[in-house]
Amino acid sequence: MIDTTMYTVSQLFLTPTLVLILLMFVYSFIALGSFIYEGISRRKNIMQLNTNGAYPILRHYNADKQISMEKLELFAFKKLENVRNVSRIAPMMGLIATLIPLGPALKALTDGNIQGMSDGLILAFSGVTLGLIAASLTYWIGNIKKRWYADELHIIEVAKAT
């Protein structure tokens, strides 16, 4: 009784998990496009206090010169929050998307249903692959943006000290 209940409940989570993985996969490519645009803008415009380039921390500081460093650090952290969350959640969702169809695939194998097993394995490995791609892209983007924002915070810190 409890085993069929657990199986039924886990199967209910397959579609939402796959949708979430697909959304994170799409988001990772949107984030990649934004990252490329920001990188090109940074190459065209030198990083300085009154810059016109894609320097979000400097722009935030220029809007309010009295803002504290703690609030600027919080702003930078919020700017990185989505890519950091996707880089951590996508692999977990990929694992869930692997494990849920694996049970029915193994059951199909024991029943001699090779097609059912194949369908289950394709779904399982597709979910984990897309989740890992999304995680890899957003992890890479997040690390580089973290360095960029740290550079911006350093420039502001030096300017405030003088």
Protein backbone atom coordinates (compact mmCIF):
# COMPACT_ATOMS: atom_id res chain seq x y z
CA MET A 1 0.00 0.00 0.00
CA ILE A 2 2.65 2.54 1.03
CA ASP A 3 4.89 1.59 -1.90
CA THR A 4 2.18 2.25 -4.49
CA THR A 5 1.31 5.53 -2.78
CA MET A 6 4.95 6.62 -2.86
CA TYR A 7 5.27 5.56 -6.50
CA THR A 8 2.11 7.47 -7.47
CA VAL A 9 3.20 10.61 -5.62
CA SER A 10 6.66 10.52 -7.21
CA GLN A 11 5.14 10.16 -10.68
CA LEU A 12 3.09 13.31 -10.05
CA PHE A 13 6.35 15.26 -9.80
CA LEU A 14 7.76 14.18 -13.17
CA THR A 15 5.99 16.75 -15.34
CA PRO A 16 6.63 19.74 -13.01
CA THR A 17 10.28 18.70 -12.72
CA LEU A 18 10.69 18.47 -16.50
CA VAL A 19 8.99 21.85 -16.98
CA LEU A 20 11.26 23.40 -14.36
CA ILE A 21 14.35 21.94 -16.05
CA LEU A 22 13.19 23.28 -19.39
CA LEU A 23 12.63 26.74 -17.90
CA MET A 24 16.07 26.73 -16.29
CA PHE A 25 17.61 25.57 -19.57
CA VAL A 26 15.96 28.45 -21.45
CA TYR A 27 16.91 30.89 -18.67
CA SER A 28 20.56 29.80 -18.88
CA PHE A 29 20.71 30.81 -22.54
CA ILE A 30 18.95 34.11 -21.83
CA ALA A 31 21.52 34.70 -19.07
CA LEU A 32 24.28 33.79 -21.52
CA GLY A 33 23.02 36.39 -24.02
CA SER A 34 22.84 39.02 -21.29
CA PHE A 35 26.33 38.04 -20.12
CA ILE A 36 27.77 38.38 -23.64
CA TYR A 37 26.11 41.78 -24.05
CA GLU A 38 27.49 42.94 -20.69
CA GLY A 39 30.95 41.64 -21.59
CA ILE A 40 30.97 43.49 -24.93
CA SER A 41 29.81 46.67 -23.21
CA ARG A 42 32.55 46.33 -20.62
CA ARG A 43 35.17 46.03 -23.34
CA LYS A 44 33.91 49.18 -25.06
CA ASN A 45 33.69 51.30 -21.91
CA ILE A 46 36.49 51.66 -19.38
CA MET A 47 35.44 50.92 -15.81
CA GLN A 48 35.41 54.17 -13.87
CA LEU A 49 33.07 55.89 -11.45
CA ASN A 50 31.08 57.82 -14.08
CA THR A 51 30.91 55.11 -16.72
CA ASN A 52 28.31 54.58 -19.43
CA GLY A 53 28.96 50.87 -19.80
CA ALA A 54 27.27 47.81 -18.38
CA TYR A 55 28.52 48.26 -14.85
CA PRO A 56 25.42 47.76 -12.70
CA ILE A 57 27.10 48.32 -9.33
CA LEU A 58 28.73 51.56 -10.47
CA ARG A 59 25.45 52.76 -11.98
CA HIS A 60 23.66 51.97 -8.72
CA TYR A 61 26.31 53.89 -6.80
CA ASN A 62 26.09 56.85 -9.20
CA ALA A 63 22.33 57.04 -8.61
CA ASP A 64 22.93 57.46 -4.85
CA LYS A 65 26.48 58.44 -3.83
CA GLN A 66 25.55 58.19 -0.13
CA ILE A 67 24.73 54.48 -0.33
CA SER A 68 26.72 52.28 2.04
CA MET A 69 29.12 49.57 0.90
CA GLU A 70 26.95 46.99 2.65
CA LYS A 71 23.95 48.00 0.55
CA LEU A 72 26.04 47.90 -2.61
CA GLU A 73 27.27 44.42 -1.71
CA LEU A 74 23.67 43.36 -1.11
CA PHE A 75 22.71 44.80 -4.50
CA ALA A 76 25.54 42.84 -6.16
CA PHE A 77 24.44 39.67 -4.36
CA LYS A 78 20.86 40.17 -5.60
CA LYS A 79 22.12 40.64 -9.16
CA LEU A 80 23.81 37.23 -8.94
CA GLU A 81 20.96 35.45 -7.16
CA ASN A 82 19.17 33.97 -10.19
CA VAL A 83 22.24 32.50 -11.86
CA ARG A 84 23.48 31.15 -8.54
CA ASN A 85 20.13 29.53 -7.81
CA VAL A 86 19.89 27.92 -11.25
CA SER A 87 23.45 26.64 -11.01
CA ARG A 88 22.56 24.87 -7.75
CA ILE A 89 18.98 23.76 -8.41
CA ALA A 90 19.30 22.50 -12.01
CA PRO A 91 21.50 19.48 -11.15
CA MET A 92 19.11 18.46 -8.37
CA MET A 93 16.14 18.69 -10.72
CA GLY A 94 18.11 16.70 -13.29
CA LEU A 95 18.71 13.97 -10.74
CA ILE A 96 15.03 13.91 -9.85
CA ALA A 97 14.14 13.76 -13.55
CA THR A 98 16.49 10.80 -13.87
CA LEU A 99 15.23 8.82 -10.91
CA ILE A 100 11.48 9.18 -11.46
CA PRO A 101 11.35 7.49 -14.90
CA LEU A 102 14.07 5.00 -13.98
CA GLY A 103 11.67 2.92 -11.87
CA PRO A 104 9.13 2.40 -14.68
CA ALA A 105 12.00 1.76 -17.13
CA LEU A 106 13.39 -1.02 -14.94
CA LYS A 107 9.88 -2.42 -14.48
CA ALA A 108 9.44 -2.43 -18.27
CA LEU A 109 12.72 -4.33 -18.57
CA THR A 110 11.56 -7.04 -16.18
CA ASP A 111 8.32 -7.29 -18.15
CA GLY A 112 10.29 -7.73 -21.38
CA ASN A 113 9.10 -4.38 -22.75
CA ILE A 114 12.31 -3.10 -24.32
CA GLN A 115 10.54 -0.12 -25.95
CA GLY A 116 9.13 1.00 -22.58
CA MET A 117 12.56 0.68 -21.01
CA SER A 118 14.11 2.66 -23.84
CA ASP A 119 11.52 5.45 -23.55
CA GLY A 120 12.08 5.70 -19.79
CA LEU A 121 15.86 5.87 -20.14
CA ILE A 122 15.68 8.49 -22.89
CA LEU A 123 13.49 10.68 -20.68
CA ALA A 124 15.73 10.09 -17.68
CA PHE A 125 18.96 11.01 -19.41
CA SER A 126 17.46 13.95 -21.30
CA GLY A 127 16.36 15.55 -18.04
CA VAL A 128 19.74 15.23 -16.37
CA THR A 129 21.57 16.42 -19.50
CA LEU A 130 19.53 19.61 -19.82
CA GLY A 131 19.83 20.23 -16.08
CA LEU A 132 23.61 19.89 -16.17
CA ILE A 133 23.93 22.15 -19.22
CA ALA A 134 21.85 24.84 -17.48
CA ALA A 135 23.88 24.45 -14.29
CA SER A 136 27.21 24.61 -16.09
CA LEU A 137 26.36 27.75 -18.02
CA THR A 138 24.96 29.61 -15.04
CA TYR A 139 27.82 28.53 -12.78
CA TRP A 140 30.35 29.90 -15.26
CA ILE A 141 28.38 33.14 -15.75
CA GLY A 142 27.94 33.59 -12.00
CA ASN A 143 31.64 33.18 -11.25
CA ILE A 144 32.74 35.71 -13.85
CA LYS A 145 30.05 38.22 -12.86
CA LYS A 146 31.09 37.81 -9.22
CA ARG A 147 34.61 38.89 -10.15
CA TRP A 148 33.29 41.77 -12.26
CA TYR A 149 31.12 43.04 -9.41
CA ALA A 150 33.97 42.68 -6.92
CA ASP A 151 36.09 44.90 -9.20
CA GLU A 152 33.32 47.50 -9.28
CA LEU A 153 32.94 47.39 -5.50
CA HIS A 154 36.69 47.86 -5.13
CA ILE A 155 36.66 50.99 -7.32
CA ILE A 156 33.81 52.43 -5.26
CA GLU A 157 35.57 51.55 -2.00
CA VAL A 158 38.75 53.32 -3.14
CA ALA A 159 36.72 56.37 -4.25
CA LYS A 160 34.91 56.54 -0.90
CA ALA A 161 38.20 56.32 0.98
CA THR A 162 39.65 59.35 -0.80
